[in-house]
PDB file of N, CA and C in Angstrom:
ATOM      1  N   MET A   1       7.793 -43.634  20.818  1.00  0.00           N
ATOM      2  CA  MET A   1       9.035 -45.094  21.605  1.00  0.00           C
ATOM      3  C   MET A   1       9.814 -43.661  22.535  1.00  0.00           C
ATOM      4  N   PHE A   2      10.249 -44.279  23.957  1.00  0.00           N
ATOM      5  CA  PHE A   2      10.490 -43.837  24.440  1.00  0.00           C
ATOM      6  C   PHE A   2      12.315 -44.425  24.079  1.00  0.00           C
ATOM      7  N   ASP A   3      13.503 -43.680  24.386  1.00  0.00           N
ATOM      8  CA  ASP A   3      14.421 -43.581  24.613  1.00  0.00           C
ATOM      9  C   ASP A   3      15.370 -43.980  25.626  1.00  0.00           C
ATOM     10  N   ARG A   4      15.672 -45.262  25.525  1.00  0.00           N
ATOM     11  CA  ARG A   4      15.652 -46.165  26.740  1.00  0.00           C
ATOM     12  C   ARG A   4      17.131 -45.799  27.743  1.00  0.00           C
ATOM     13  N   GLU A   5      18.328 -45.066  25.822  1.00  0.00           N
ATOM     14  CA  GLU A   5      19.301 -44.100  27.028  1.00  0.00           C
ATOM     15  C   GLU A   5      18.672 -42.987  27.571  1.00  0.00           C
ATOM     16  N   MET A   6      17.199 -42.728  27.071  1.00  0.00           N
ATOM     17  CA  MET A   6      17.758 -41.124  28.341  1.00  0.00           C
ATOM     18  C   MET A   6      17.017 -41.666  30.030  1.00  0.00           C
ATOM     19  N   LEU A   7      17.204 -43.117  30.439  1.00  0.00           N
ATOM     20  CA  LEU A   7      17.151 -42.987  31.715  1.00  0.00           C
ATOM     21  C   LEU A   7      18.003 -43.063  32.530  1.00  0.00           C
ATOM     22  N   THR A   8      19.011 -43.194  31.895  1.00  0.00           N
ATOM     23  CA  THR A   8      20.007 -42.474  32.038  1.00  0.00           C
ATOM     24  C   THR A   8      20.516 -40.578  33.233  1.00  0.00           C
ATOM     25  N   TYR A   9      20.104 -40.385  32.888  1.00  0.00           N
ATOM     26  CA  TYR A   9      19.838 -38.936  32.855  1.00  0.00           C
ATOM     27  C   TYR A   9      18.411 -38.636  33.962  1.00  0.00           C
ATOM     28  N   LEU A  10      17.178 -39.136  33.549  1.00  0.00           N
ATOM     29  CA  LEU A  10      16.032 -39.472  34.740  1.00  0.00           C
ATOM     30  C   LEU A  10      16.455 -39.704  36.070  1.00  0.00           C
ATOM     31  N   VAL A  11      15.518 -39.076  36.790  1.00  0.00           N
ATOM     32  CA  VAL A  11      15.490 -39.688  38.139  1.00  0.00           C
ATOM     33  C   VAL A  11      13.823 -39.225  38.396  1.00  0.00           C
ATOM     34  N   CYS A  12      13.585 -39.988  39.749  1.00  0.00           N
ATOM     35  CA  CYS A  12      11.986 -39.887  39.850  1.00  0.00           C
ATOM     36  C   CYS A  12      12.327 -38.314  40.567  1.00  0.00           C
ATOM     37  N   PRO A  13      11.017 -37.616  39.750  1.00  0.00           N
ATOM     38  CA  PRO A  13      10.969 -36.370  41.293  1.00  0.00           C
ATOM     39  C   PRO A  13      10.749 -35.718  42.586  1.00  0.00           C
ATOM     40  N   ALA A  14      10.016 -37.121  42.978  1.00  0.00           N
ATOM     41  CA  ALA A  14      10.087 -37.116  45.064  1.00  0.00           C
ATOM     42  C   ALA A  14      10.199 -37.739  45.157  1.00  0.00           C
ATOM     43  N   THR A  15      11.821 -38.382  44.743  1.00  0.00           N
ATOM     44  CA  THR A  15      12.460 -39.268  45.621  1.00  0.00           C
ATOM     45  C   THR A  15      14.040 -38.761  45.565  1.00  0.00           C
ATOM     46  N   GLY A  16      14.930 -38.711  43.720  1.00  0.00           N
ATOM     47  CA  GLY A  16      15.421 -38.271  43.277  1.00  0.00           C
ATOM     48  C   GLY A  16      16.197 -39.691  43.037  1.00  0.00           C
ATOM     49  N   SER A  17      15.440 -41.093  43.121  1.00  0.00           N
ATOM     50  CA  SER A  17      16.026 -41.873  42.339  1.00  0.00           C
ATOM     51  C   SER A  17      15.620 -42.783  41.003  1.00  0.00           C
ATOM     52  N   ALA A  18      16.933 -43.577  40.689  1.00  0.00           N
ATOM     53  CA  ALA A  18      16.610 -43.850  39.703  1.00  0.00           C
ATOM     54  C   ALA A  18      15.107 -44.441  39.305  1.00  0.00           C
ATOM     55  N   LEU A  19      14.650 -44.405  38.093  1.00  0.00           N
ATOM     56  CA  LEU A  19      13.023 -45.101  38.059  1.00  0.00           C
ATOM     57  C   LEU A  19      14.108 -46.139  36.493  1.00  0.00           C
ATOM     58  N   LYS A  20      13.052 -47.059  35.949  1.00  0.00           N
ATOM     59  CA  LYS A  20      12.929 -48.278  35.159  1.00  0.00           C
ATOM     60  C   LYS A  20      11.351 -48.079  34.535  1.00  0.00           C
ATOM     61  N   LEU A  21      12.240 -48.347  33.231  1.00  0.00           N
ATOM     62  CA  LEU A  21      10.450 -48.926  32.448  1.00  0.00           C
ATOM     63  C   LEU A  21      10.027 -49.844  32.047  1.00  0.00           C
ATOM     64  N   SER A  22       8.856 -49.240  31.715  1.00  0.00           N
ATOM     65  CA  SER A  22       8.211 -51.125  32.343  1.00  0.00           C
ATOM     66  C   SER A  22       8.158 -51.726  30.708  1.00  0.00           C
ATOM     67  N   LYS A  23       7.738 -53.071  31.571  1.00  0.00           N
ATOM     68  CA  LYS A  23       8.119 -54.416  30.062  1.00  0.00           C
ATOM     69  C   LYS A  23       7.514 -53.585  29.269  1.00  0.00           C
ATOM     70  N   ASP A  24       5.712 -53.052  29.068  1.00  0.00           N
ATOM     71  CA  ASP A  24       4.896 -52.175  28.055  1.00  0.00           C
ATOM     72  C   ASP A  24       6.186 -50.960  27.890  1.00  0.00           C
ATOM     73  N   GLY A  25       6.624 -50.333  28.143  1.00  0.00           N
ATOM     74  CA  GLY A  25       7.239 -49.660  28.294  1.00  0.00           C
ATOM     75  C   GLY A  25       6.243 -47.779  28.104  1.00  0.00           C
ATOM     76  N   GLN A  26       5.121 -47.746  28.567  1.00  0.00           N
ATOM     77  CA  GLN A  26       4.357 -47.363  28.940  1.00  0.00           C
ATOM     78  C   GLN A  26       4.860 -46.559  30.297  1.00  0.00           C
ATOM     79  N   TRP A  27       5.677 -46.671  31.012  1.00  0.00           N
ATOM     80  CA  TRP A  27       5.444 -46.469  32.475  1.00  0.00           C
ATOM     81  C   TRP A  27       7.125 -45.979  32.815  1.00  0.00           C
ATOM     82  N   LEU A  28       7.316 -45.084  33.886  1.00  0.00           N
ATOM     83  CA  LEU A  28       8.437 -44.915  33.817  1.00  0.00           C
ATOM     84  C   LEU A  28       8.399 -45.469  35.601  1.00  0.00           C
ATOM     85  N   ILE A  29       8.782 -46.379  36.288  1.00  0.00           N
ATOM     86  CA  ILE A  29       9.208 -46.694  37.590  1.00  0.00           C
ATOM     87  C   ILE A  29       9.604 -45.792  38.286  1.00  0.00           C
ATOM     88  N   SER A  30       9.186 -45.579  39.706  1.00  0.00           N
ATOM     89  CA  SER A  30      10.403 -45.042  41.023  1.00  0.00           C
ATOM     90  C   SER A  30       9.602 -46.544  42.368  1.00  0.00           C
ATOM     91  N   ARG A  31      10.377 -47.427  42.108  1.00  0.00           N
ATOM     92  CA  ARG A  31      10.350 -48.535  43.403  1.00  0.00           C
ATOM     93  C   ARG A  31      11.116 -47.559  44.913  1.00  0.00           C
ATOM     94  N   VAL A  32      11.530 -46.913  44.759  1.00  0.00           N
ATOM     95  CA  VAL A  32      11.434 -45.741  45.896  1.00  0.00           C
ATOM     96  C   VAL A  32      10.284 -45.940  46.223  1.00  0.00           C
ATOM     97  N   ALA A  33       9.487 -44.670  45.607  1.00  0.00           N
ATOM     98  CA  ALA A  33       8.805 -44.126  45.792  1.00  0.00           C
ATOM     99  C   ALA A  33       6.724 -44.097  45.891  1.00  0.00           C
ATOM    100  N   LYS A  34       7.397 -45.885  44.845  1.00  0.00           N
ATOM    101  CA  LYS A  34       5.621 -46.693  44.217  1.00  0.00           C
ATOM    102  C   LYS A  34       5.336 -45.906  43.315  1.00  0.00           C
ATOM    103  N   LEU A  35       5.549 -45.055  42.991  1.00  0.00           N
ATOM    104  CA  LEU A  35       5.498 -44.625  41.693  1.00  0.00           C
ATOM    105  C   LEU A  35       4.673 -45.380  41.003  1.00  0.00           C
ATOM    106  N   ALA A  36       4.729 -44.916  39.465  1.00  0.00           N
ATOM    107  CA  ALA A  36       4.395 -45.209  38.366  1.00  0.00           C
ATOM    108  C   ALA A  36       4.206 -43.372  36.772  1.00  0.00           C
ATOM    109  N   TYR A  37       5.611 -43.559  36.531  1.00  0.00           N
ATOM    110  CA  TYR A  37       5.148 -41.640  35.976  1.00  0.00           C
ATOM    111  C   TYR A  37       4.271 -42.553  33.915  1.00  0.00           C
ATOM    112  N   PRO A  38       3.574 -41.375  33.298  1.00  0.00           N
ATOM    113  CA  PRO A  38       3.433 -42.626  32.126  1.00  0.00           C
ATOM    114  C   PRO A  38       4.921 -41.560  30.958  1.00  0.00           C
ATOM    115  N   VAL A  39       4.422 -42.130  30.036  1.00  0.00           N
ATOM    116  CA  VAL A  39       4.901 -42.037  29.140  1.00  0.00           C
ATOM    117  C   VAL A  39       3.837 -41.946  27.638  1.00  0.00           C
ATOM    118  N   LEU A  40       4.010 -40.585  26.786  1.00  0.00           N
ATOM    119  CA  LEU A  40       2.894 -40.500  25.804  1.00  0.00           C
ATOM    120  C   LEU A  40       3.735 -40.419  24.789  1.00  0.00           C
ATOM    121  N   ASN A  41       4.165 -41.340  23.729  1.00  0.00           N
ATOM    122  CA  ASN A  41       4.326 -40.390  22.357  1.00  0.00           C
ATOM    123  C   ASN A  41       5.791 -40.660  22.363  1.00  0.00           C
ATOM    124  N   GLY A  42       6.328 -40.485  22.986  1.00  0.00           N
ATOM    125  CA  GLY A  42       8.194 -41.478  23.579  1.00  0.00           C
ATOM    126  C   GLY A  42       8.666 -40.356  24.572  1.00  0.00           C
ATOM    127  N   VAL A  43       7.107 -39.134  25.755  1.00  0.00           N
ATOM    128  CA  VAL A  43       7.839 -38.024  26.175  1.00  0.00           C
ATOM    129  C   VAL A  43       7.644 -39.055  27.530  1.00  0.00           C
ATOM    130  N   PRO A  44       8.184 -38.525  28.808  1.00  0.00           N
ATOM    131  CA  PRO A  44       7.889 -38.759  30.057  1.00  0.00           C
ATOM    132  C   PRO A  44       7.265 -38.129  30.555  1.00  0.00           C
ATOM    133  N   ILE A  45       6.365 -37.968  31.145  1.00  0.00           N
ATOM    134  CA  ILE A  45       5.690 -36.628  31.884  1.00  0.00           C
ATOM    135  C   ILE A  45       6.214 -37.132  33.663  1.00  0.00           C
ATOM    136  N   LEU A  46       6.802 -36.379  33.508  1.00  0.00           N
ATOM    137  CA  LEU A  46       7.442 -36.645  35.202  1.00  0.00           C
ATOM    138  C   LEU A  46       6.725 -36.120  36.332  1.00  0.00           C
ATOM    139  N   LEU A  47       5.555 -35.707  35.936  1.00  0.00           N
ATOM    140  CA  LEU A  47       5.316 -34.867  37.194  1.00  0.00           C
ATOM    141  C   LEU A  47       4.189 -35.964  38.107  1.00  0.00           C
ATOM    142  N   GLU A  48       4.472 -35.399  39.899  1.00  0.00           N
ATOM    143  CA  GLU A  48       3.842 -36.686  40.762  1.00  0.00           C
ATOM    144  C   GLU A  48       2.399 -36.382  40.818  1.00  0.00           C
ATOM    145  N   GLY A  49       1.542 -35.734  40.030  1.00  0.00           N
ATOM    146  CA  GLY A  49       0.131 -35.030  39.908  1.00  0.00           C
ATOM    147  C   GLY A  49       0.017 -36.338  38.893  1.00  0.00           C
ATOM    148  N   LYS A  50       0.703 -36.296  37.535  1.00  0.00           N
ATOM    149  CA  LYS A  50       0.068 -37.680  36.517  1.00  0.00           C
ATOM    150  C   LYS A  50       1.164 -38.862  36.675  1.00  0.00           C
ATOM    151  N   ALA A  51       1.705 -39.269  38.148  1.00  0.00           N
ATOM    152  CA  ALA A  51       1.186 -40.038  38.201  1.00  0.00           C
ATOM    153  C   ALA A  51       0.387 -41.052  38.985  1.00  0.00           C
ATOM    154  N   LYS A  52       0.808 -43.105  38.874  1.00  0.00           N
ATOM    155  CA  LYS A  52      -0.579 -43.876  39.184  1.00  0.00           C
ATOM    156  C   LYS A  52       0.571 -44.339  40.476  1.00  0.00           C
ATOM    157  N   GLN A  53      -0.333 -44.588  41.697  1.00  0.00           N
ATOM    158  CA  GLN A  53       0.010 -45.601  42.041  1.00  0.00           C
ATOM    159  C   GLN A  53       1.033 -47.061  42.230  1.00  0.00           C
ATOM    160  N   TRP A  54       2.120 -47.814  42.557  1.00  0.00           N
ATOM    161  CA  TRP A  54       2.537 -48.592  41.844  1.00  0.00           C
ATOM    162  C   TRP A  54       3.172 -50.044  42.900  1.00  0.00           C
ATOM    163  N   SER A  55       3.116 -50.631  42.678  1.00  0.00           N
ATOM    164  CA  SER A  55       3.761 -52.422  43.906  1.00  0.00           C
ATOM    165  C   SER A  55       3.670 -52.909  42.843  1.00  0.00           C
ATOM    166  N   GLU A  56       4.645 -53.673  43.378  1.00  0.00           N
ATOM    167  CA  GLU A  56       5.592 -54.913  42.534  1.00  0.00           C
ATOM    168  C   GLU A  56       5.673 -56.053  42.155  1.00  0.00           C
ATOM    169  N   ASP A  57       3.381 -56.194  42.536  1.00  0.00           N
ATOM    170  CA  ASP A  57       2.809 -56.829  42.011  1.00  0.00           C
ATOM    171  C   ASP A  57       1.800 -56.755  40.440  1.00  0.00           C
ATOM    172  N   ASP A  58       2.606 -54.956  40.827  1.00  0.00           N
ATOM    173  CA  ASP A  58       1.806 -54.161  38.729  1.00  0.00           C
ATOM    174  C   ASP A  58       2.964 -55.121  37.734  1.00  0.00           C
ATOM    175  N   GLU A  59       3.707 -55.315  38.168  1.00  0.00           N
ATOM    176  CA  GLU A  59       4.830 -55.188  37.050  1.00  0.00           C
ATOM    177  C   GLU A  59       4.758 -56.213  36.812  1.00  0.00           C
TER     178      GLU A  59
END
Protein backbone atom coordinates (compact mmCIF):
# COMPACT_ATOMS: atom_id res chain seq x y z
CA MET A 1 0.00 0.00 0.00
CA PHE A 2 1.29 3.45 -0.96
CA ASP A 3 1.94 5.87 1.92
CA ARG A 4 -0.08 8.98 1.05
CA GLU A 5 2.22 11.13 3.17
CA MET A 6 4.90 10.57 0.51
CA LEU A 7 2.88 12.75 -1.90
CA THR A 8 4.18 15.75 0.02
CA TYR A 9 7.71 14.96 -1.16
CA LEU A 10 7.21 13.48 -4.63
CA VAL A 11 6.92 15.47 -7.86
CA CYS A 12 6.55 14.56 -11.50
CA PRO A 13 10.02 13.89 -12.95
CA ALA A 14 8.97 15.35 -16.31
CA THR A 15 7.60 18.69 -15.07
CA GLY A 16 8.34 19.04 -11.35
CA SER A 17 4.62 19.44 -10.69
CA ALA A 18 2.58 17.87 -7.91
CA LEU A 19 1.31 14.30 -8.18
CA LYS A 20 -2.10 12.94 -7.20
CA LEU A 21 -2.86 9.36 -6.21
CA SER A 22 -5.51 7.71 -8.38
CA LYS A 23 -8.73 6.54 -6.74
CA ASP A 24 -7.64 2.91 -6.98
CA GLY A 25 -4.18 3.69 -5.55
CA GLN A 26 -2.42 2.12 -8.55
CA TRP A 27 -1.14 5.30 -10.23
CA LEU A 28 0.45 8.64 -9.41
CA ILE A 29 -1.03 11.20 -11.76
CA SER A 30 0.64 14.31 -13.14
CA ARG A 31 -2.11 16.49 -14.56
CA VAL A 32 0.42 18.94 -16.01
CA ALA A 33 2.35 16.26 -17.94
CA LYS A 34 -0.79 14.18 -18.58
CA LEU A 35 1.10 11.10 -17.36
CA ALA A 36 0.27 8.37 -14.85
CA TYR A 37 3.15 6.64 -13.09
CA PRO A 38 2.55 3.12 -11.73
CA VAL A 39 2.67 2.22 -8.05
CA LEU A 40 3.87 -1.38 -7.66
CA ASN A 41 3.70 -3.03 -4.23
CA GLY A 42 3.50 0.43 -2.66
CA VAL A 43 6.57 1.71 -4.51
CA PRO A 44 6.11 4.56 -7.02
CA ILE A 45 7.91 3.99 -10.33
CA LEU A 46 8.70 7.55 -11.40
CA LEU A 47 10.27 6.81 -14.76
CA GLU A 48 8.85 8.47 -17.85
CA GLY A 49 9.39 5.25 -19.81
CA LYS A 50 7.08 3.38 -17.41
CA ALA A 51 4.36 6.05 -17.36
CA LYS A 52 1.22 5.92 -19.48
CA GLN A 53 -0.69 8.74 -21.10
CA TRP A 54 -3.47 10.05 -18.86
CA SER A 55 -6.48 12.25 -19.42
CA GLU A 56 -9.22 13.67 -17.18
CA ASP A 57 -11.54 11.00 -18.64
CA ASP A 58 -9.41 8.26 -17.08
CA GLU A 59 -10.17 9.39 -13.53
